[in-house]
N, C-alpha and C. Protein backbone atom coordinates (compact mmCIF):
# COMPACT_ATOMS: atom_id res chain seq x y z
N MET A 1 107.77 88.77 89.03
CA MET A 1 107.91 90.02 89.85
C MET A 1 106.44 90.28 90.26
N LYS A 2 106.42 90.76 91.51
CA LYS A 2 105.19 91.31 92.10
C LYS A 2 104.89 92.70 91.81
N HIS A 3 103.75 92.96 91.51
CA HIS A 3 103.29 94.40 91.20
C HIS A 3 102.06 94.72 92.05
N VAL A 4 101.97 96.02 92.56
CA VAL A 4 100.91 96.37 93.46
C VAL A 4 100.09 97.38 92.54
N LEU A 5 98.74 97.13 92.47
CA LEU A 5 97.75 97.90 91.81
C LEU A 5 96.82 98.54 92.81
N ALA A 6 96.60 99.80 92.75
CA ALA A 6 95.56 100.46 93.51
C ALA A 6 94.39 100.76 92.51
N VAL A 7 93.15 100.34 92.98
CA VAL A 7 92.06 100.42 92.03
C VAL A 7 91.03 101.07 92.83
N LEU A 8 90.48 102.34 92.36
CA LEU A 8 89.49 103.00 92.97
C LEU A 8 88.33 102.65 92.25
N VAL A 9 87.17 102.26 92.98
CA VAL A 9 85.94 101.74 92.54
C VAL A 9 84.81 102.40 93.26
N GLU A 10 83.66 102.31 92.54
CA GLU A 10 82.42 102.75 93.24
C GLU A 10 82.11 101.91 94.36
N ASN A 11 81.71 102.35 95.51
CA ASN A 11 81.49 101.62 96.67
C ASN A 11 80.03 101.15 96.79
N HIS A 12 79.76 99.96 96.08
CA HIS A 12 78.41 99.30 96.23
C HIS A 12 78.63 97.81 96.05
N PRO A 13 77.58 97.10 96.41
CA PRO A 13 77.63 95.65 96.37
C PRO A 13 77.95 95.05 94.97
N GLY A 14 78.77 94.06 94.96
CA GLY A 14 79.09 93.29 93.71
C GLY A 14 80.29 93.75 93.08
N VAL A 15 80.86 94.99 93.42
CA VAL A 15 82.02 95.43 92.65
C VAL A 15 83.14 94.63 92.87
N LEU A 16 83.49 94.15 94.11
CA LEU A 16 84.63 93.31 94.31
C LEU A 16 84.48 92.08 93.58
N SER A 17 83.39 91.45 93.57
CA SER A 17 83.06 90.27 92.74
C SER A 17 83.48 90.43 91.35
N LYS A 18 83.10 91.54 90.68
CA LYS A 18 83.31 91.85 89.23
C LYS A 18 84.84 91.94 89.09
N VAL A 19 85.49 92.60 89.98
CA VAL A 19 86.99 92.80 89.91
C VAL A 19 87.78 91.42 89.96
N SER A 20 87.44 90.76 90.94
CA SER A 20 88.07 89.40 91.20
C SER A 20 87.70 88.41 90.05
N GLY A 21 86.47 88.60 89.72
CA GLY A 21 85.95 87.68 88.46
C GLY A 21 86.79 87.76 87.31
N LEU A 22 87.12 89.23 87.01
CA LEU A 22 87.93 89.57 85.86
C LEU A 22 89.28 88.70 85.90
N PHE A 23 90.03 88.81 87.15
CA PHE A 23 91.21 87.92 87.28
C PHE A 23 91.03 86.52 86.96
N SER A 24 89.96 85.93 87.45
CA SER A 24 89.83 84.45 87.26
C SER A 24 89.49 84.15 85.79
N ARG A 25 88.62 84.93 85.18
CA ARG A 25 88.37 84.72 83.71
C ARG A 25 89.54 84.78 82.92
N ARG A 26 90.48 85.64 83.13
CA ARG A 26 91.59 85.93 82.34
C ARG A 26 92.78 85.01 82.76
N GLY A 27 92.59 84.21 83.81
CA GLY A 27 93.65 83.28 84.19
C GLY A 27 94.71 84.00 84.98
N PHE A 28 94.49 85.14 85.54
CA PHE A 28 95.53 85.95 86.31
C PHE A 28 95.37 85.47 87.82
N ASN A 29 96.45 85.23 88.47
CA ASN A 29 96.32 84.94 89.90
C ASN A 29 96.60 86.14 90.82
N ILE A 30 95.82 86.32 91.78
CA ILE A 30 95.95 87.50 92.72
C ILE A 30 96.76 86.92 93.80
N TYR A 31 97.80 87.52 94.15
CA TYR A 31 98.74 87.17 95.25
C TYR A 31 98.08 87.62 96.42
N SER A 32 97.63 88.90 96.52
CA SER A 32 96.92 89.34 97.79
C SER A 32 95.96 90.41 97.36
N LEU A 33 94.98 90.56 98.11
CA LEU A 33 93.87 91.62 97.86
C LEU A 33 93.57 92.28 99.19
N ALA A 34 93.36 93.52 99.22
CA ALA A 34 92.75 94.22 100.40
C ALA A 34 91.83 95.27 99.94
N VAL A 35 90.67 95.59 100.58
CA VAL A 35 89.65 96.52 100.06
C VAL A 35 89.08 97.20 101.29
N CYS A 36 88.76 98.53 101.11
CA CYS A 36 88.04 99.21 102.15
C CYS A 36 87.68 100.51 101.54
N VAL A 37 86.65 101.16 102.22
CA VAL A 37 86.17 102.46 101.80
C VAL A 37 87.29 103.47 102.01
N THR A 38 87.37 104.55 101.22
CA THR A 38 88.23 105.57 101.24
C THR A 38 87.77 106.66 102.14
N GLU A 39 88.48 107.86 101.99
CA GLU A 39 88.01 109.07 102.75
C GLU A 39 86.72 109.59 102.26
N ASP A 40 86.28 109.04 101.08
CA ASP A 40 85.08 109.40 100.53
C ASP A 40 84.18 108.14 100.62
N PRO A 41 83.08 108.07 101.38
CA PRO A 41 82.42 106.97 101.48
C PRO A 41 81.66 106.32 100.34
N SER A 42 81.58 107.08 99.19
CA SER A 42 81.18 106.58 97.95
C SER A 42 82.17 105.72 97.25
N ILE A 43 83.45 105.71 97.52
CA ILE A 43 84.51 105.10 96.82
C ILE A 43 85.28 104.18 97.79
N SER A 44 85.56 102.98 97.22
CA SER A 44 86.45 102.06 97.83
C SER A 44 87.81 101.92 97.08
N ARG A 45 88.81 101.51 97.82
CA ARG A 45 90.07 101.39 97.18
C ARG A 45 90.55 99.88 97.39
N ILE A 46 90.66 99.27 96.23
CA ILE A 46 91.18 97.85 96.24
C ILE A 46 92.72 97.81 96.02
N THR A 47 93.42 97.19 96.87
CA THR A 47 94.97 97.03 96.61
C THR A 47 95.09 95.56 96.24
N ILE A 48 95.62 95.30 95.13
CA ILE A 48 95.90 94.01 94.51
C ILE A 48 97.25 93.85 94.23
N VAL A 49 97.84 92.68 94.76
CA VAL A 49 99.19 92.37 94.45
C VAL A 49 99.14 91.19 93.47
N VAL A 50 99.66 91.40 92.19
CA VAL A 50 99.74 90.31 91.22
C VAL A 50 101.17 90.06 90.92
N GLU A 51 101.35 88.78 90.43
CA GLU A 51 102.64 88.44 90.08
C GLU A 51 102.74 88.19 88.60
N GLY A 52 103.62 88.75 87.91
CA GLY A 52 103.72 88.61 86.50
C GLY A 52 104.68 89.66 85.92
N ASP A 53 104.89 89.54 84.69
CA ASP A 53 105.80 90.47 83.91
C ASP A 53 105.05 91.72 83.60
N GLU A 54 105.72 92.80 83.02
CA GLU A 54 105.22 94.07 82.68
C GLU A 54 103.83 93.83 81.74
N TYR A 55 104.02 92.98 80.70
CA TYR A 55 102.92 92.83 79.68
C TYR A 55 101.66 92.36 80.48
N THR A 56 101.78 91.35 81.45
CA THR A 56 100.64 90.83 82.20
C THR A 56 100.00 92.03 83.02
N VAL A 57 100.81 92.72 83.62
CA VAL A 57 100.19 93.84 84.40
C VAL A 57 99.59 94.84 83.66
N GLU A 58 100.04 95.13 82.41
CA GLU A 58 99.47 96.17 81.52
C GLU A 58 98.12 95.54 81.03
N GLN A 59 98.04 94.23 80.75
CA GLN A 59 96.73 93.60 80.18
C GLN A 59 95.74 93.76 81.32
N VAL A 60 96.15 93.36 82.68
CA VAL A 60 95.22 93.57 83.77
C VAL A 60 94.73 94.89 83.99
N THR A 61 95.60 95.78 83.83
CA THR A 61 95.30 97.24 84.03
C THR A 61 94.19 97.66 83.00
N LYS A 62 94.47 97.30 81.75
CA LYS A 62 93.49 97.54 80.62
C LYS A 62 92.08 96.94 80.80
N GLN A 63 92.17 95.73 81.27
CA GLN A 63 90.93 95.01 81.50
C GLN A 63 90.08 95.60 82.68
N LEU A 64 90.81 96.07 83.70
CA LEU A 64 90.21 96.72 84.88
C LEU A 64 89.60 98.08 84.51
N ASN A 65 90.27 98.81 83.54
CA ASN A 65 89.80 100.01 83.21
C ASN A 65 88.46 99.87 82.30
N LYS A 66 88.29 98.78 81.79
CA LYS A 66 87.01 98.60 81.05
C LYS A 66 85.83 98.33 81.90
N LEU A 67 85.95 97.86 83.20
CA LEU A 67 84.80 97.78 84.04
C LEU A 67 84.15 99.01 84.43
N ILE A 68 82.82 99.06 84.31
CA ILE A 68 81.94 100.17 84.54
C ILE A 68 82.24 100.85 85.83
N ASP A 69 82.32 100.05 87.01
CA ASP A 69 82.39 100.53 88.37
C ASP A 69 83.82 100.93 88.77
N VAL A 70 84.80 100.65 87.88
CA VAL A 70 86.15 101.19 88.07
C VAL A 70 86.40 102.55 87.81
N ILE A 71 86.96 103.37 88.69
CA ILE A 71 87.15 104.88 88.47
C ILE A 71 88.57 105.05 88.01
N LYS A 72 89.59 104.40 88.68
CA LYS A 72 90.97 104.55 88.27
C LYS A 72 91.76 103.46 88.71
N VAL A 73 92.71 103.15 87.76
CA VAL A 73 93.64 102.02 88.27
C VAL A 73 95.05 102.72 88.15
N SER A 74 95.88 102.35 89.13
CA SER A 74 97.27 102.96 89.14
C SER A 74 98.09 101.88 89.74
N LYS A 75 99.33 101.78 89.08
CA LYS A 75 100.37 100.99 89.59
C LYS A 75 101.25 101.69 90.58
N ILE A 76 101.34 101.11 91.85
CA ILE A 76 102.09 101.61 92.87
C ILE A 76 103.58 101.37 92.70
N GLY A 77 104.33 102.49 92.68
CA GLY A 77 105.78 102.25 92.39
C GLY A 77 106.51 101.52 93.47
N HIS A 78 107.81 101.38 93.16
CA HIS A 78 108.69 100.75 94.15
C HIS A 78 109.00 101.67 95.28
N ASP A 79 108.86 102.95 94.98
CA ASP A 79 109.16 103.85 96.09
C ASP A 79 107.83 104.10 96.79
N SER A 80 107.34 103.21 97.65
CA SER A 80 106.15 103.31 98.27
C SER A 80 106.24 102.74 99.70
N VAL A 81 105.13 103.02 100.49
CA VAL A 81 105.13 102.43 101.81
C VAL A 81 104.11 101.28 101.63
N THR A 82 104.49 100.06 101.87
CA THR A 82 103.73 98.90 101.76
C THR A 82 103.60 98.11 103.12
N ARG A 83 102.36 97.80 103.60
CA ARG A 83 102.41 97.12 104.89
C ARG A 83 101.37 96.00 104.81
N GLU A 84 101.64 95.05 105.63
CA GLU A 84 100.63 93.89 105.93
C GLU A 84 100.41 93.81 107.49
N LEU A 85 99.47 93.15 107.85
CA LEU A 85 99.10 92.97 109.22
C LEU A 85 98.94 91.34 109.38
N ALA A 86 99.54 90.84 110.56
CA ALA A 86 99.17 89.43 110.85
C ALA A 86 98.90 89.31 112.29
N LEU A 87 97.94 88.35 112.66
CA LEU A 87 97.69 88.02 114.01
C LEU A 87 98.08 86.55 114.05
N ILE A 88 98.91 86.26 115.12
CA ILE A 88 99.46 84.89 115.27
C ILE A 88 99.17 84.49 116.65
N LYS A 89 98.59 83.18 116.74
CA LYS A 89 98.16 82.60 117.95
C LYS A 89 99.36 81.54 118.10
N VAL A 90 100.14 81.65 119.17
CA VAL A 90 101.26 80.69 119.53
C VAL A 90 101.17 80.03 120.79
N ARG A 91 101.43 78.82 120.95
CA ARG A 91 101.50 78.03 122.23
C ARG A 91 102.60 78.61 123.00
N ALA A 92 102.32 79.19 124.18
CA ALA A 92 103.36 79.88 125.03
C ALA A 92 103.16 79.43 126.55
N ASP A 93 103.74 78.28 126.84
CA ASP A 93 103.60 77.76 128.23
C ASP A 93 104.67 78.44 129.18
N SER A 94 104.92 78.03 130.43
CA SER A 94 105.74 78.60 131.25
C SER A 94 107.25 78.38 131.01
N GLU A 95 107.47 77.23 130.16
CA GLU A 95 108.84 77.00 129.79
C GLU A 95 109.40 77.76 128.66
N ASN A 96 108.40 78.20 127.70
CA ASN A 96 109.02 78.89 126.52
C ASN A 96 108.46 80.34 126.23
N ARG A 97 107.57 80.77 127.32
CA ARG A 97 106.92 82.06 127.09
C ARG A 97 107.98 83.25 127.03
N HIS A 98 109.02 83.20 127.94
CA HIS A 98 110.07 84.09 127.85
C HIS A 98 110.80 84.31 126.51
N GLN A 99 111.13 83.14 126.01
CA GLN A 99 111.76 83.23 124.73
C GLN A 99 110.92 83.78 123.56
N ILE A 100 109.63 83.38 123.66
CA ILE A 100 108.75 83.95 122.56
C ILE A 100 108.56 85.42 122.74
N ILE A 101 108.60 85.90 123.94
CA ILE A 101 108.43 87.40 124.19
C ILE A 101 109.67 88.04 123.65
N GLN A 102 110.90 87.50 123.82
CA GLN A 102 112.07 88.12 123.26
C GLN A 102 112.02 88.22 121.75
N ILE A 103 111.57 87.14 121.21
CA ILE A 103 111.43 87.17 119.69
C ILE A 103 110.48 88.21 119.22
N ILE A 104 109.39 88.29 119.92
CA ILE A 104 108.33 89.27 119.47
C ILE A 104 108.87 90.75 119.72
N ASN A 105 109.69 91.05 120.74
CA ASN A 105 110.29 92.36 120.92
C ASN A 105 111.25 92.74 119.86
N ILE A 106 111.97 91.69 119.48
CA ILE A 106 113.06 91.89 118.40
C ILE A 106 112.35 92.41 117.19
N PHE A 107 111.16 91.79 116.81
CA PHE A 107 110.59 92.20 115.68
C PHE A 107 109.50 93.38 115.81
N ARG A 108 109.62 93.95 117.05
CA ARG A 108 108.71 95.17 117.34
C ARG A 108 107.30 94.79 117.19
N ALA A 109 106.92 93.49 117.48
CA ALA A 109 105.47 93.12 117.42
C ALA A 109 105.00 93.40 118.80
N GLN A 110 103.57 93.15 118.80
CA GLN A 110 102.95 93.38 120.08
C GLN A 110 102.06 92.15 120.62
N ILE A 111 102.04 91.90 121.77
CA ILE A 111 101.16 90.86 122.37
C ILE A 111 99.77 91.47 122.60
N VAL A 112 98.69 91.05 121.93
CA VAL A 112 97.44 91.63 122.08
C VAL A 112 96.51 90.76 122.81
N ASP A 113 96.83 89.64 123.29
CA ASP A 113 95.96 88.73 124.10
C ASP A 113 96.98 87.64 124.80
N VAL A 114 96.71 87.48 126.09
CA VAL A 114 97.44 86.49 126.88
C VAL A 114 96.45 85.58 127.52
N ALA A 115 96.72 84.20 127.34
CA ALA A 115 96.02 83.18 128.07
C ALA A 115 97.13 82.28 128.67
N ARG A 116 96.53 81.31 129.64
CA ARG A 116 97.50 80.52 130.30
C ARG A 116 98.60 79.94 129.34
N ASP A 117 98.15 79.37 128.25
CA ASP A 117 99.14 78.55 127.38
C ASP A 117 99.21 79.15 126.05
N TYR A 118 98.66 80.38 125.78
CA TYR A 118 98.70 81.01 124.37
C TYR A 118 98.96 82.54 124.41
N LEU A 119 99.56 82.96 123.40
CA LEU A 119 99.67 84.38 123.20
C LEU A 119 99.20 84.63 121.74
N ILE A 120 98.47 85.85 121.59
CA ILE A 120 98.26 86.23 120.35
C ILE A 120 99.14 87.49 120.05
N VAL A 121 99.77 87.36 118.84
CA VAL A 121 100.92 88.34 118.55
C VAL A 121 100.28 89.19 117.37
N GLU A 122 100.43 90.44 117.46
CA GLU A 122 100.15 91.32 116.24
C GLU A 122 101.42 91.93 115.71
N ILE A 123 101.49 91.80 114.36
CA ILE A 123 102.72 92.40 113.65
C ILE A 123 102.26 93.16 112.45
N THR A 124 102.87 94.30 112.26
CA THR A 124 102.71 95.06 110.97
C THR A 124 104.00 95.23 110.35
N GLY A 125 104.09 95.32 109.02
CA GLY A 125 105.38 95.49 108.35
C GLY A 125 105.26 95.08 106.99
N ASP A 126 106.41 95.00 106.38
CA ASP A 126 106.38 94.44 104.92
C ASP A 126 106.43 92.82 105.07
N SER A 127 106.06 92.33 103.89
CA SER A 127 105.86 90.82 103.81
C SER A 127 107.01 90.18 104.33
N GLU A 128 108.25 90.60 104.04
CA GLU A 128 109.51 89.79 104.45
C GLU A 128 109.50 89.70 105.94
N LYS A 129 109.22 90.81 106.61
CA LYS A 129 109.19 91.00 108.05
C LYS A 129 108.26 90.05 108.77
N ILE A 130 107.01 89.95 108.17
CA ILE A 130 106.04 89.05 108.77
C ILE A 130 106.35 87.63 108.66
N THR A 131 106.91 87.29 107.34
CA THR A 131 107.33 85.96 107.07
C THR A 131 108.47 85.55 108.02
N ALA A 132 109.47 86.46 108.25
CA ALA A 132 110.50 86.14 109.08
C ALA A 132 110.10 85.85 110.47
N LEU A 133 109.03 86.62 111.06
CA LEU A 133 108.67 86.36 112.40
C LEU A 133 107.87 84.98 112.36
N VAL A 134 106.97 84.65 111.45
CA VAL A 134 106.29 83.48 111.45
C VAL A 134 107.30 82.27 111.33
N ASP A 135 108.43 82.44 110.60
CA ASP A 135 109.37 81.34 110.57
C ASP A 135 110.06 81.16 112.00
N MET A 136 110.24 82.23 112.74
CA MET A 136 110.89 82.07 113.90
C MET A 136 109.88 81.53 115.05
N LEU A 137 108.50 81.74 114.84
CA LEU A 137 107.65 81.27 115.79
C LEU A 137 107.07 79.77 115.42
N LYS A 138 107.49 79.33 114.27
CA LYS A 138 107.15 77.97 113.94
C LYS A 138 107.66 76.91 114.95
N ASP A 139 108.74 77.14 115.48
CA ASP A 139 109.46 76.22 116.52
C ASP A 139 108.66 76.34 117.81
N TYR A 140 107.77 77.26 118.00
CA TYR A 140 107.00 77.37 119.25
C TYR A 140 105.60 76.83 119.01
N ASP A 141 105.22 76.22 117.86
CA ASP A 141 103.89 75.64 117.70
C ASP A 141 102.78 76.82 117.57
N ILE A 142 102.80 77.23 116.25
CA ILE A 142 101.79 78.28 115.88
C ILE A 142 100.53 77.42 115.66
N LYS A 143 99.42 77.90 116.45
CA LYS A 143 98.21 77.22 116.41
C LYS A 143 97.26 77.85 115.41
N GLU A 144 97.45 79.20 115.13
CA GLU A 144 96.41 79.73 114.21
C GLU A 144 97.10 81.06 113.78
N MET A 145 96.73 81.38 112.49
CA MET A 145 97.36 82.71 111.96
C MET A 145 96.40 83.23 110.96
N VAL A 146 96.33 84.52 110.91
CA VAL A 146 95.58 85.20 109.84
C VAL A 146 96.53 86.44 109.43
N ARG A 147 96.43 86.74 108.10
CA ARG A 147 97.36 87.71 107.63
C ARG A 147 96.55 88.45 106.59
N THR A 148 96.71 89.67 106.58
CA THR A 148 95.97 90.61 105.52
C THR A 148 96.76 90.59 104.26
N GLY A 149 96.18 91.20 103.16
CA GLY A 149 97.00 91.48 101.99
C GLY A 149 97.75 92.77 102.24
N ALA A 150 98.54 93.02 101.21
CA ALA A 150 99.31 94.32 101.30
C ALA A 150 98.44 95.47 101.11
N ILE A 151 98.72 96.49 101.69
CA ILE A 151 98.13 97.82 101.43
C ILE A 151 99.33 98.83 101.03
N ALA A 152 99.22 99.77 100.24
CA ALA A 152 100.30 100.68 99.88
C ALA A 152 99.95 101.97 99.48
N LEU A 153 100.81 102.88 99.63
CA LEU A 153 100.68 104.26 99.24
C LEU A 153 101.97 104.83 98.70
N ASP A 154 101.93 105.58 97.60
CA ASP A 154 103.18 106.07 96.99
C ASP A 154 103.77 107.10 97.99
N ARG A 155 104.94 107.27 98.12
CA ARG A 155 105.59 108.25 99.03
C ARG A 155 105.41 109.60 98.35
N GLY A 156 105.63 110.55 99.20
CA GLY A 156 105.69 112.01 98.73
C GLY A 156 104.34 112.45 98.40
N SER A 157 104.34 113.38 97.39
CA SER A 157 103.12 114.02 96.96
C SER A 157 102.27 113.18 95.99
N LYS A 158 102.75 112.22 95.34
CA LYS A 158 102.00 111.41 94.51
C LYS A 158 100.84 110.77 95.06
N MET A 159 99.57 110.89 94.56
CA MET A 159 98.45 110.36 95.08
C MET A 159 97.45 109.93 93.90
N ILE A 160 96.58 109.00 94.36
CA ILE A 160 95.67 108.32 93.51
C ILE A 160 94.32 108.87 94.00
N LYS A 161 93.79 109.93 93.27
CA LYS A 161 92.63 110.65 93.65
C LYS A 161 91.58 110.55 92.59
N TYR A 162 90.32 110.43 93.03
CA TYR A 162 89.24 110.26 91.91
C TYR A 162 89.01 111.65 91.37
N GLU A 163 89.37 112.68 92.00
CA GLU A 163 89.17 114.10 91.51
C GLU A 163 89.90 114.25 90.03
N ASP A 164 90.98 113.38 89.93
CA ASP A 164 91.75 113.49 88.74
C ASP A 164 91.15 112.82 87.49
N VAL A 165 89.96 112.24 87.77
CA VAL A 165 89.31 111.38 86.72
C VAL A 165 88.02 111.99 86.36
N ASP A 166 87.70 111.98 84.97
CA ASP A 166 86.44 112.51 84.56
C ASP A 166 85.43 111.28 84.80
N ARG A 167 84.58 111.44 85.69
CA ARG A 167 83.70 110.30 85.99
C ARG A 167 82.38 110.26 85.18
N GLY A 168 82.35 110.94 84.10
CA GLY A 168 81.33 110.85 83.13
C GLY A 168 80.04 111.39 83.74
N GLY A 169 79.92 112.49 84.33
CA GLY A 169 78.79 113.05 85.00
C GLY A 169 78.42 112.51 86.33
N TYR A 170 79.43 111.92 87.06
CA TYR A 170 79.08 111.32 88.35
C TYR A 170 79.93 112.21 89.30
N GLN A 171 79.38 112.42 90.48
CA GLN A 171 80.13 113.01 91.57
C GLN A 171 79.74 112.38 92.78
N ASN A 172 80.72 112.00 93.57
CA ASN A 172 80.33 111.19 94.78
C ASN A 172 79.39 110.08 94.66
N GLY A 173 79.47 109.23 93.58
CA GLY A 173 78.53 108.26 93.45
C GLY A 173 77.17 108.55 92.94
N CYS A 174 76.86 109.84 92.65
CA CYS A 174 75.56 110.32 92.31
C CYS A 174 75.64 110.87 91.00
N ASN A 175 74.54 110.66 90.10
CA ASN A 175 74.47 111.21 88.79
C ASN A 175 74.30 112.63 88.88
N VAL A 176 75.03 113.49 88.13
CA VAL A 176 74.88 114.95 88.12
C VAL A 176 74.00 115.23 87.13
N LEU A 177 72.89 115.96 87.30
CA LEU A 177 71.90 116.33 86.27
C LEU A 177 72.04 117.77 85.83
């Protein structure tokens, strides 16, 4: 079973390496990983999708919480909004272009670049939706594809905020004297 973890970390060089290194040292596989700065520029949010049972996820969470740069680890529930992004370059000549455009419209994807024999398609959605579009476009000769990891937020008022955590005398990444 796949589990989504949201990890708030200090935003400075080397933190992602420490977090991903923890997984490799422990033999845990990362299914997907996405990271970016949050609304507070001193904090980054890492969204990690891991595959495993509850015990494995609990162990990963405990190990992450031991890292100095980790502020908070939270498991994202099943009642969440989860999205991925993919860019797909597909061969689209005059003979098949219309068919490809119909498929793209069905999936509510967008064409973001057009060339004589190629289209670049952008799609956002859950993992299954993106995989389904990729499967449909395989018949039309996908030349190149890039896909992000999952990002997720819990629905409703539940939030993962660093204000909820005692940061041991730190505020906004600075030592409070």
